[in-house]
């Protein structure tokens, strides 16, 4: 099933912008209603439709977030994001992220989509630096970052609105610069 107006495609994935529709909201609600998906975000508490509409879905509509679908069937897998950093850092910096349905875990989809966004970010979008953040104890997400070539930069502690098991270990930031990415590509 072909996705209309994709942002990018990979061998197995199609990433497209989210639309302000009930159908796209339904996809995000189903994703964020899974306690296992939300384990490192809300401590496993599923978010309500109203919370999702007002918080995460509203943010997704402003750009930088893409619905991720299986290219062959159109099945919704979750989302990937690459958002320009507006937290006072360099404007050529972007934040990488992903959230996938549990059924999509362990199949390389997070890495495949993230690698495609990194290439687009350093190529067409002209970013100089890409960062990614997760909880220190989220080993699955950390492995994706490492597979994508990002390296550990720091551990930090942040106040979160929901208690999450392992939050006492803090959050971690991983970084990849354009120079590092280019050197790795040339090395083959």
N, C-alpha and C. Protein backbone atom coordinates (compact mmCIF):
# COMPACT_ATOMS: atom_id res chain seq x y z
N UNK A 1 0.85 -1.18 0.00
CA UNK A 1 0.00 0.00 0.00
C UNK A 1 0.89 1.24 0.00
N UNK A 2 0.74 2.08 -0.99
CA UNK A 2 1.55 3.29 -1.10
C UNK A 2 1.01 4.38 -0.18
N UNK A 3 1.92 5.05 0.51
CA UNK A 3 1.57 6.18 1.37
C UNK A 3 1.68 7.44 0.52
N UNK A 4 0.65 8.26 0.58
CA UNK A 4 0.63 9.50 -0.19
C UNK A 4 1.59 10.52 0.42
N UNK A 5 2.36 11.18 -0.41
CA UNK A 5 3.27 12.27 -0.02
C UNK A 5 4.24 11.89 1.11
N UNK A 6 5.05 10.84 0.91
CA UNK A 6 6.00 10.49 1.97
C UNK A 6 7.09 11.54 2.13
N UNK A 7 7.58 11.67 3.35
CA UNK A 7 8.72 12.55 3.64
C UNK A 7 10.00 11.86 3.21
N UNK A 8 10.06 10.54 3.50
CA UNK A 8 11.18 9.72 3.02
C UNK A 8 10.78 8.27 3.07
N UNK A 9 11.49 7.47 2.30
CA UNK A 9 11.27 6.03 2.31
C UNK A 9 12.62 5.34 2.47
N UNK A 10 12.56 4.15 3.04
CA UNK A 10 13.73 3.28 3.18
C UNK A 10 13.36 1.95 2.52
N UNK A 11 14.21 0.97 2.66
CA UNK A 11 13.92 -0.35 2.09
C UNK A 11 12.60 -0.91 2.61
N UNK A 12 12.30 -0.67 3.90
CA UNK A 12 11.10 -1.26 4.49
C UNK A 12 10.09 -0.26 5.03
N UNK A 13 10.47 1.01 5.12
CA UNK A 13 9.63 1.99 5.80
C UNK A 13 9.24 3.16 4.91
N UNK A 14 8.12 3.76 5.26
CA UNK A 14 7.71 5.05 4.70
C UNK A 14 7.43 5.97 5.88
N UNK A 15 8.03 7.16 5.87
CA UNK A 15 7.77 8.16 6.89
C UNK A 15 7.01 9.30 6.23
N UNK A 16 5.90 9.68 6.84
CA UNK A 16 5.07 10.76 6.29
C UNK A 16 4.70 11.72 7.40
N UNK A 17 4.40 12.97 7.03
CA UNK A 17 3.99 13.93 8.06
C UNK A 17 2.67 13.49 8.71
N UNK A 18 2.52 13.78 9.97
CA UNK A 18 1.23 13.57 10.63
C UNK A 18 0.24 14.61 10.11
N UNK A 19 -1.01 14.22 10.00
CA UNK A 19 -2.07 15.13 9.59
C UNK A 19 -2.98 15.36 10.79
N UNK A 20 -3.60 16.52 10.85
CA UNK A 20 -4.51 16.86 11.94
C UNK A 20 -5.87 16.22 11.66
N UNK A 21 -5.89 14.89 11.80
CA UNK A 21 -7.11 14.12 11.54
C UNK A 21 -7.38 13.19 12.71
N UNK A 22 -8.63 12.78 12.84
CA UNK A 22 -8.97 11.81 13.87
C UNK A 22 -8.26 10.48 13.62
N UNK A 23 -8.07 10.13 12.36
CA UNK A 23 -7.40 8.86 12.03
C UNK A 23 -5.96 8.87 12.54
N UNK A 24 -5.23 9.97 12.33
CA UNK A 24 -3.85 10.03 12.84
C UNK A 24 -3.83 10.12 14.35
N UNK A 25 -4.77 10.85 14.94
CA UNK A 25 -4.85 10.89 16.39
C UNK A 25 -5.11 9.49 16.94
N UNK A 26 -5.98 8.73 16.29
CA UNK A 26 -6.26 7.36 16.72
C UNK A 26 -4.99 6.51 16.73
N UNK A 27 -4.13 6.69 15.73
CA UNK A 27 -2.88 5.93 15.67
C UNK A 27 -1.99 6.24 16.87
N UNK A 28 -1.87 7.51 17.20
CA UNK A 28 -1.02 7.92 18.32
C UNK A 28 -1.65 7.49 19.65
N UNK A 29 -2.97 7.57 19.74
CA UNK A 29 -3.65 7.12 20.97
C UNK A 29 -3.39 5.63 21.19
N UNK A 30 -3.51 4.83 20.14
CA UNK A 30 -3.24 3.39 20.29
C UNK A 30 -1.80 3.15 20.73
N UNK A 31 -0.86 3.88 20.16
CA UNK A 31 0.55 3.73 20.52
C UNK A 31 0.78 4.11 21.98
N UNK A 32 0.31 5.28 22.37
CA UNK A 32 0.57 5.81 23.71
C UNK A 32 -0.34 5.21 24.78
N UNK A 33 -1.24 4.31 24.40
CA UNK A 33 -2.09 3.63 25.37
C UNK A 33 -1.49 2.31 25.83
N UNK A 34 -0.38 1.91 25.22
CA UNK A 34 0.27 0.66 25.58
C UNK A 34 1.23 0.91 26.75
N UNK A 35 0.97 0.31 27.92
CA UNK A 35 1.84 0.53 29.07
C UNK A 35 3.31 0.19 28.82
N UNK A 36 3.58 -0.83 28.00
CA UNK A 36 4.97 -1.19 27.73
C UNK A 36 5.66 -0.14 26.86
N UNK A 37 4.94 0.43 25.90
CA UNK A 37 5.49 1.49 25.07
C UNK A 37 5.80 2.72 25.94
N UNK A 38 4.96 2.97 26.92
CA UNK A 38 5.08 4.17 27.75
C UNK A 38 5.94 3.96 29.00
N UNK A 39 6.54 2.80 29.13
CA UNK A 39 7.32 2.45 30.32
C UNK A 39 8.34 3.52 30.70
N UNK A 40 9.12 4.02 29.75
CA UNK A 40 10.18 4.98 30.05
C UNK A 40 9.74 6.43 29.85
N UNK A 41 8.45 6.63 29.64
CA UNK A 41 7.95 7.98 29.42
C UNK A 41 7.03 8.41 30.56
N UNK A 42 6.08 7.54 30.90
CA UNK A 42 5.13 7.85 31.97
C UNK A 42 5.16 6.81 33.08
N UNK A 43 6.15 5.94 33.06
CA UNK A 43 6.20 4.86 34.03
C UNK A 43 5.21 3.75 33.70
N UNK A 44 4.70 3.77 32.48
CA UNK A 44 3.76 2.75 32.04
C UNK A 44 2.31 3.18 32.09
N UNK A 45 2.07 4.38 32.58
CA UNK A 45 0.70 4.88 32.63
C UNK A 45 0.26 5.27 31.23
N UNK A 46 -0.79 4.61 30.70
CA UNK A 46 -1.28 5.01 29.38
C UNK A 46 -1.80 6.45 29.44
N UNK A 47 -1.56 7.19 28.40
CA UNK A 47 -2.05 8.56 28.35
C UNK A 47 -3.49 8.55 27.82
N UNK A 48 -4.29 9.49 28.27
CA UNK A 48 -5.67 9.59 27.80
C UNK A 48 -5.70 10.27 26.43
N UNK A 49 -6.77 10.09 25.72
CA UNK A 49 -6.94 10.72 24.42
C UNK A 49 -6.82 12.25 24.54
N UNK A 50 -7.41 12.82 25.57
CA UNK A 50 -7.35 14.28 25.75
C UNK A 50 -5.92 14.74 26.00
N UNK A 51 -5.16 14.00 26.82
CA UNK A 51 -3.76 14.35 27.07
C UNK A 51 -2.94 14.26 25.78
N UNK A 52 -3.17 13.21 25.03
CA UNK A 52 -2.42 13.02 23.79
C UNK A 52 -2.74 14.13 22.81
N UNK A 53 -4.02 14.45 22.65
CA UNK A 53 -4.40 15.52 21.72
C UNK A 53 -3.76 16.85 22.13
N UNK A 54 -3.78 17.16 23.41
CA UNK A 54 -3.27 18.45 23.88
C UNK A 54 -1.75 18.52 23.95
N UNK A 55 -1.10 17.39 24.18
CA UNK A 55 0.35 17.40 24.39
C UNK A 55 1.11 16.82 23.20
N UNK A 56 1.25 15.51 23.16
CA UNK A 56 2.13 14.90 22.16
C UNK A 56 1.63 15.09 20.74
N UNK A 57 0.34 14.89 20.48
CA UNK A 57 -0.16 15.01 19.11
C UNK A 57 -0.07 16.45 18.62
N UNK A 58 -0.36 17.40 19.48
CA UNK A 58 -0.25 18.82 19.10
C UNK A 58 1.19 19.14 18.70
N UNK A 59 2.15 18.62 19.43
CA UNK A 59 3.57 18.85 19.13
C UNK A 59 3.95 18.21 17.78
N UNK A 60 3.40 17.03 17.52
CA UNK A 60 3.72 16.32 16.27
C UNK A 60 3.25 17.08 15.03
N UNK A 61 2.20 17.84 15.16
CA UNK A 61 1.65 18.55 14.01
C UNK A 61 2.47 19.77 13.61
N UNK A 62 3.40 20.19 14.46
CA UNK A 62 4.20 21.37 14.17
C UNK A 62 5.48 21.05 13.43
N UNK A 63 5.63 19.83 12.99
CA UNK A 63 6.79 19.47 12.17
C UNK A 63 7.86 18.74 12.95
N UNK A 64 8.65 18.00 12.18
CA UNK A 64 9.75 17.25 12.77
C UNK A 64 9.38 15.85 13.19
N UNK A 65 8.09 15.51 13.18
CA UNK A 65 7.61 14.17 13.53
C UNK A 65 6.99 13.54 12.30
N UNK A 66 7.27 12.24 12.11
CA UNK A 66 6.71 11.53 10.96
C UNK A 66 6.13 10.20 11.39
N UNK A 67 4.91 9.94 10.92
CA UNK A 67 4.29 8.63 11.12
C UNK A 67 5.11 7.62 10.33
N UNK A 68 5.44 6.52 10.97
CA UNK A 68 6.27 5.49 10.35
C UNK A 68 5.39 4.29 10.00
N UNK A 69 5.42 3.92 8.73
CA UNK A 69 4.60 2.82 8.23
C UNK A 69 5.48 1.77 7.57
N UNK A 70 5.03 0.53 7.62
CA UNK A 70 5.66 -0.53 6.86
C UNK A 70 5.38 -0.25 5.39
N UNK A 71 6.40 -0.14 4.61
CA UNK A 71 6.28 0.27 3.22
C UNK A 71 5.40 -0.69 2.41
N UNK A 72 5.57 -1.97 2.64
CA UNK A 72 4.87 -2.98 1.85
C UNK A 72 3.37 -3.01 2.09
N UNK A 73 2.95 -2.82 3.36
CA UNK A 73 1.54 -2.97 3.71
C UNK A 73 0.85 -1.68 4.15
N UNK A 74 1.64 -0.67 4.52
CA UNK A 74 1.07 0.56 5.05
C UNK A 74 0.78 0.50 6.54
N UNK A 75 1.08 -0.64 7.18
CA UNK A 75 0.82 -0.79 8.61
C UNK A 75 1.55 0.29 9.40
N UNK A 76 0.84 0.93 10.33
CA UNK A 76 1.42 1.95 11.20
C UNK A 76 2.31 1.27 12.24
N UNK A 77 3.57 1.69 12.31
CA UNK A 77 4.52 1.13 13.27
C UNK A 77 4.79 2.04 14.44
N UNK A 78 4.62 3.34 14.26
CA UNK A 78 4.93 4.31 15.31
C UNK A 78 5.36 5.61 14.67
N UNK A 79 6.37 6.25 15.26
CA UNK A 79 6.86 7.51 14.68
C UNK A 79 8.36 7.65 14.88
N UNK A 80 8.93 8.50 14.05
CA UNK A 80 10.32 8.95 14.16
C UNK A 80 10.28 10.48 14.15
N UNK A 81 11.27 11.09 14.76
CA UNK A 81 11.34 12.55 14.70
C UNK A 81 12.78 13.01 14.54
N UNK A 82 12.91 14.16 13.93
CA UNK A 82 14.18 14.89 13.84
C UNK A 82 13.78 16.36 13.90
N UNK A 83 13.87 16.91 15.11
CA UNK A 83 13.40 18.28 15.35
C UNK A 83 14.57 19.22 15.58
N UNK A 84 14.57 20.35 14.89
CA UNK A 84 15.62 21.36 15.17
C UNK A 84 15.60 21.74 16.64
N UNK A 85 16.77 21.87 17.23
CA UNK A 85 16.92 22.21 18.64
C UNK A 85 16.66 23.69 18.81
N UNK A 86 15.69 23.99 19.66
CA UNK A 86 15.38 25.40 19.94
C UNK A 86 15.65 25.74 21.40
N UNK A 87 16.42 24.91 22.09
CA UNK A 87 16.69 25.11 23.51
C UNK A 87 17.93 25.95 23.76
N UNK A 88 18.20 26.90 22.91
CA UNK A 88 19.34 27.77 23.12
C UNK A 88 20.63 27.24 22.55
N UNK A 89 20.60 26.03 21.99
CA UNK A 89 21.80 25.45 21.39
C UNK A 89 21.97 25.96 19.98
N UNK A 90 22.94 25.42 19.28
CA UNK A 90 23.17 25.84 17.89
C UNK A 90 21.94 25.53 17.03
N UNK A 91 21.59 26.45 16.17
CA UNK A 91 20.41 26.25 15.34
C UNK A 91 20.60 25.13 14.33
N UNK A 92 21.83 24.74 14.09
CA UNK A 92 22.10 23.65 13.15
C UNK A 92 22.08 22.29 13.84
N UNK A 93 21.56 22.24 15.06
CA UNK A 93 21.47 21.01 15.82
C UNK A 93 20.03 20.50 15.78
N UNK A 94 19.86 19.17 15.79
CA UNK A 94 18.52 18.59 15.78
C UNK A 94 18.48 17.42 16.76
N UNK A 95 17.29 17.15 17.26
CA UNK A 95 17.06 16.07 18.21
C UNK A 95 16.36 14.91 17.51
N UNK A 96 16.93 13.72 17.61
CA UNK A 96 16.42 12.50 16.99
C UNK A 96 15.60 11.72 18.01
N UNK A 97 14.49 11.14 17.57
CA UNK A 97 13.68 10.32 18.46
C UNK A 97 12.85 9.31 17.69
N UNK A 98 12.24 8.39 18.42
CA UNK A 98 11.42 7.34 17.81
C UNK A 98 10.58 6.71 18.90
N UNK A 99 9.41 6.25 18.52
CA UNK A 99 8.54 5.47 19.41
C UNK A 99 7.77 4.51 18.53
N UNK A 100 7.92 3.23 18.80
CA UNK A 100 7.29 2.22 17.97
C UNK A 100 6.38 1.31 18.78
N UNK A 101 5.37 0.77 18.11
CA UNK A 101 4.48 -0.22 18.73
C UNK A 101 5.31 -1.43 19.15
N UNK A 102 4.89 -2.07 20.20
CA UNK A 102 5.63 -3.23 20.71
C UNK A 102 5.81 -4.29 19.63
N UNK A 103 4.81 -4.50 18.79
CA UNK A 103 4.90 -5.51 17.72
C UNK A 103 6.03 -5.20 16.74
N UNK A 104 6.51 -3.97 16.70
CA UNK A 104 7.58 -3.56 15.78
C UNK A 104 8.96 -3.61 16.43
N UNK A 105 9.03 -3.88 17.72
CA UNK A 105 10.30 -3.89 18.42
C UNK A 105 11.17 -5.07 17.96
N UNK A 106 12.47 -4.87 18.02
CA UNK A 106 13.41 -5.95 17.76
C UNK A 106 13.53 -6.35 16.30
N UNK A 107 13.02 -5.54 15.39
CA UNK A 107 13.06 -5.87 13.97
C UNK A 107 13.90 -4.88 13.16
N UNK A 108 14.56 -3.96 13.87
CA UNK A 108 15.45 -3.01 13.20
C UNK A 108 14.76 -1.78 12.63
N UNK A 109 13.47 -1.62 12.87
CA UNK A 109 12.74 -0.49 12.29
C UNK A 109 13.17 0.86 12.90
N UNK A 110 13.40 0.88 14.22
CA UNK A 110 13.83 2.14 14.85
C UNK A 110 15.16 2.58 14.26
N UNK A 111 16.09 1.64 14.12
CA UNK A 111 17.41 1.97 13.56
C UNK A 111 17.29 2.38 12.10
N UNK A 112 16.53 1.66 11.32
CA UNK A 112 16.40 1.96 9.89
C UNK A 112 15.83 3.37 9.67
N UNK A 113 14.78 3.71 10.39
CA UNK A 113 14.20 5.04 10.26
C UNK A 113 15.14 6.13 10.77
N UNK A 114 15.81 5.85 11.89
CA UNK A 114 16.73 6.83 12.47
C UNK A 114 17.91 7.08 11.54
N UNK A 115 18.47 6.02 10.95
CA UNK A 115 19.59 6.19 10.02
C UNK A 115 19.18 7.03 8.80
N UNK A 116 17.98 6.81 8.30
CA UNK A 116 17.49 7.59 7.16
C UNK A 116 17.33 9.06 7.54
N UNK A 117 16.82 9.32 8.74
CA UNK A 117 16.67 10.71 9.18
C UNK A 117 18.02 11.37 9.41
N UNK A 118 18.98 10.63 9.94
CA UNK A 118 20.32 11.18 10.13
C UNK A 118 20.91 11.58 8.79
N UNK A 119 20.80 10.71 7.79
CA UNK A 119 21.33 11.03 6.46
C UNK A 119 20.63 12.26 5.88
N UNK A 120 19.33 12.34 6.04
CA UNK A 120 18.59 13.50 5.55
C UNK A 120 18.96 14.75 6.35
N UNK A 121 19.15 14.57 7.64
CA UNK A 121 19.49 15.70 8.51
C UNK A 121 20.84 16.31 8.17
N UNK A 122 21.84 15.47 7.94
CA UNK A 122 23.16 15.99 7.61
C UNK A 122 23.26 16.39 6.14
N UNK A 123 22.46 15.77 5.30
CA UNK A 123 22.49 16.07 3.87
C UNK A 123 21.58 17.24 3.54
N UNK A 124 20.38 16.92 3.20
CA UNK A 124 19.40 17.90 2.72
C UNK A 124 19.05 18.99 3.73
N UNK A 125 18.95 18.64 5.01
CA UNK A 125 18.51 19.61 6.02
C UNK A 125 19.66 20.42 6.61
N UNK A 126 20.90 20.05 6.31
CA UNK A 126 22.08 20.83 6.66
C UNK A 126 22.32 21.00 8.16
N UNK A 127 22.02 19.98 8.95
CA UNK A 127 22.32 20.03 10.38
C UNK A 127 23.81 19.75 10.58
N UNK A 128 24.38 20.33 11.62
CA UNK A 128 25.78 20.10 11.97
C UNK A 128 25.94 19.06 13.07
N UNK A 129 24.85 18.85 13.84
CA UNK A 129 24.93 18.00 15.03
C UNK A 129 23.55 17.40 15.27
N UNK A 130 23.52 16.10 15.60
CA UNK A 130 22.27 15.43 15.95
C UNK A 130 22.44 14.79 17.31
N UNK A 131 21.46 15.03 18.17
CA UNK A 131 21.49 14.46 19.52
C UNK A 131 20.28 13.54 19.70
N UNK A 132 20.36 12.68 20.68
CA UNK A 132 19.24 11.82 21.06
C UNK A 132 19.33 11.61 22.57
N UNK A 133 18.19 11.50 23.21
CA UNK A 133 18.14 11.38 24.66
C UNK A 133 17.18 10.27 25.06
N UNK A 134 17.51 9.61 26.16
CA UNK A 134 16.63 8.60 26.74
C UNK A 134 17.02 8.42 28.20
N UNK A 135 16.23 7.62 28.90
CA UNK A 135 16.59 7.27 30.27
C UNK A 135 17.82 6.38 30.24
N UNK A 136 18.66 6.52 31.23
CA UNK A 136 19.87 5.71 31.32
C UNK A 136 19.56 4.21 31.28
N UNK A 137 18.45 3.81 31.88
CA UNK A 137 18.10 2.38 31.96
C UNK A 137 17.40 1.85 30.71
N UNK A 138 17.12 2.70 29.73
CA UNK A 138 16.45 2.27 28.50
C UNK A 138 17.48 1.72 27.52
N UNK A 139 17.91 0.49 27.79
CA UNK A 139 18.99 -0.10 27.00
C UNK A 139 18.62 -0.31 25.54
N UNK A 140 17.35 -0.59 25.25
CA UNK A 140 16.94 -0.78 23.86
C UNK A 140 17.13 0.49 23.05
N UNK A 141 16.70 1.61 23.57
CA UNK A 141 16.85 2.87 22.87
C UNK A 141 18.32 3.26 22.76
N UNK A 142 19.08 3.00 23.80
CA UNK A 142 20.52 3.31 23.75
C UNK A 142 21.22 2.49 22.67
N UNK A 143 20.82 1.23 22.49
CA UNK A 143 21.41 0.40 21.43
C UNK A 143 21.11 0.96 20.05
N UNK A 144 19.89 1.46 19.86
CA UNK A 144 19.54 2.08 18.57
C UNK A 144 20.46 3.27 18.32
N UNK A 145 20.63 4.12 19.31
CA UNK A 145 21.50 5.29 19.16
C UNK A 145 22.92 4.88 18.77
N UNK A 146 23.43 3.86 19.44
CA UNK A 146 24.79 3.39 19.16
C UNK A 146 24.89 2.78 17.76
N UNK A 147 23.89 2.01 17.34
CA UNK A 147 23.88 1.43 16.00
C UNK A 147 23.86 2.52 14.93
N UNK A 148 23.28 3.66 15.27
CA UNK A 148 23.20 4.78 14.33
C UNK A 148 24.46 5.65 14.34
N UNK A 149 25.43 5.30 15.18
CA UNK A 149 26.69 6.03 15.20
C UNK A 149 26.76 7.14 16.21
N UNK A 150 25.72 7.36 16.99
CA UNK A 150 25.78 8.37 18.03
C UNK A 150 26.61 7.83 19.18
N UNK A 151 27.33 8.70 19.86
CA UNK A 151 28.14 8.28 20.99
C UNK A 151 27.68 8.98 22.27
N UNK A 152 27.85 8.28 23.37
CA UNK A 152 27.46 8.80 24.68
C UNK A 152 28.18 10.12 24.95
N UNK A 153 27.41 11.12 25.36
CA UNK A 153 27.99 12.42 25.68
C UNK A 153 27.92 12.74 27.17
N UNK A 154 26.77 12.42 27.80
CA UNK A 154 26.64 12.79 29.20
C UNK A 154 25.43 12.12 29.84
N UNK A 155 25.45 12.09 31.18
CA UNK A 155 24.29 11.70 31.98
C UNK A 155 23.82 12.96 32.69
N UNK A 156 22.55 13.15 32.76
CA UNK A 156 21.99 14.31 33.44
C UNK A 156 20.71 13.90 34.16
N UNK A 157 20.28 14.71 35.08
CA UNK A 157 19.06 14.42 35.85
C UNK A 157 18.05 15.52 35.60
N UNK A 158 16.85 15.08 35.30
CA UNK A 158 15.77 16.01 34.99
C UNK A 158 14.54 15.62 35.80
N UNK A 159 13.74 16.59 36.13
CA UNK A 159 12.48 16.32 36.83
C UNK A 159 11.43 15.95 35.79
N UNK A 160 10.76 14.81 35.99
CA UNK A 160 9.72 14.36 35.08
C UNK A 160 8.38 14.35 35.82
N UNK A 161 7.29 14.58 35.09
CA UNK A 161 5.99 14.65 35.76
C UNK A 161 5.49 13.29 36.26
N UNK A 162 6.08 12.20 35.78
CA UNK A 162 5.64 10.87 36.18
C UNK A 162 6.82 10.08 36.74
N UNK A 163 6.62 9.36 37.85
CA UNK A 163 7.72 8.52 38.34
C UNK A 163 7.93 7.34 37.39
N UNK A 164 9.18 7.08 37.07
CA UNK A 164 9.54 6.00 36.17
C UNK A 164 10.61 5.16 36.85
N UNK A 165 10.42 3.84 36.86
CA UNK A 165 11.42 2.96 37.46
C UNK A 165 12.77 3.18 36.79
N UNK A 166 13.78 3.45 37.59
CA UNK A 166 15.12 3.68 37.07
C UNK A 166 15.47 5.14 36.87
N UNK A 167 14.52 6.05 37.14
CA UNK A 167 14.81 7.46 36.89
C UNK A 167 15.90 8.02 37.80
N UNK A 168 16.19 7.31 38.88
CA UNK A 168 17.28 7.76 39.77
C UNK A 168 18.64 7.66 39.08
N UNK A 169 18.71 6.89 37.99
CA UNK A 169 19.96 6.77 37.22
C UNK A 169 20.12 7.89 36.19
N UNK A 170 19.10 8.70 36.04
CA UNK A 170 19.16 9.85 35.16
C UNK A 170 18.87 9.53 33.70
N UNK A 171 19.09 10.54 32.90
CA UNK A 171 18.91 10.45 31.45
C UNK A 171 20.28 10.55 30.80
N UNK A 172 20.35 10.09 29.57
CA UNK A 172 21.61 10.15 28.84
C UNK A 172 21.39 10.87 27.52
N UNK A 173 22.45 11.53 27.08
CA UNK A 173 22.45 12.20 25.78
C UNK A 173 23.53 11.56 24.92
N UNK A 174 23.17 11.30 23.67
CA UNK A 174 24.10 10.79 22.67
C UNK A 174 24.21 11.82 21.57
N UNK A 175 25.37 11.88 20.91
CA UNK A 175 25.63 12.93 19.91
C UNK A 175 26.34 12.34 18.70
N UNK A 176 26.04 12.91 17.54
CA UNK A 176 26.76 12.62 16.31
C UNK A 176 26.92 13.94 15.56
N UNK A 177 28.14 14.26 15.15
CA UNK A 177 28.37 15.47 14.37
C UNK A 177 28.43 15.12 12.88
N UNK A 178 28.26 16.13 12.06
CA UNK A 178 28.35 15.94 10.62
C UNK A 178 29.73 15.39 10.23
N UNK A 179 30.78 15.91 10.88
CA UNK A 179 32.13 15.46 10.57
C UNK A 179 32.31 13.98 10.89
N UNK A 180 31.81 13.55 12.06
CA UNK A 180 31.90 12.13 12.43
C UNK A 180 31.12 11.26 11.44
N UNK A 181 29.93 11.71 11.09
CA UNK A 181 29.08 10.96 10.16
C UNK A 181 29.75 10.85 8.79
N UNK A 182 30.30 11.96 8.29
CA UNK A 182 30.97 11.95 6.99
C UNK A 182 32.18 11.03 7.00
N UNK A 183 32.98 11.09 8.09
CA UNK A 183 34.16 10.24 8.18
C UNK A 183 33.78 8.77 8.18
N UNK A 184 32.72 8.40 8.89
CA UNK A 184 32.28 7.00 8.93
C UNK A 184 31.78 6.54 7.57
N UNK A 185 31.10 7.42 6.86
CA UNK A 185 30.60 7.06 5.52
C UNK A 185 31.75 6.85 4.56
N UNK A 186 32.77 7.70 4.65
CA UNK A 186 33.92 7.58 3.75
C UNK A 186 34.74 6.33 4.08
N UNK A 187 34.78 5.96 5.38
CA UNK A 187 35.53 4.78 5.78
C UNK A 187 34.82 3.49 5.33
N UNK A 188 33.52 3.65 5.04
CA UNK A 188 32.77 2.56 4.46
C UNK A 188 32.14 1.62 5.36
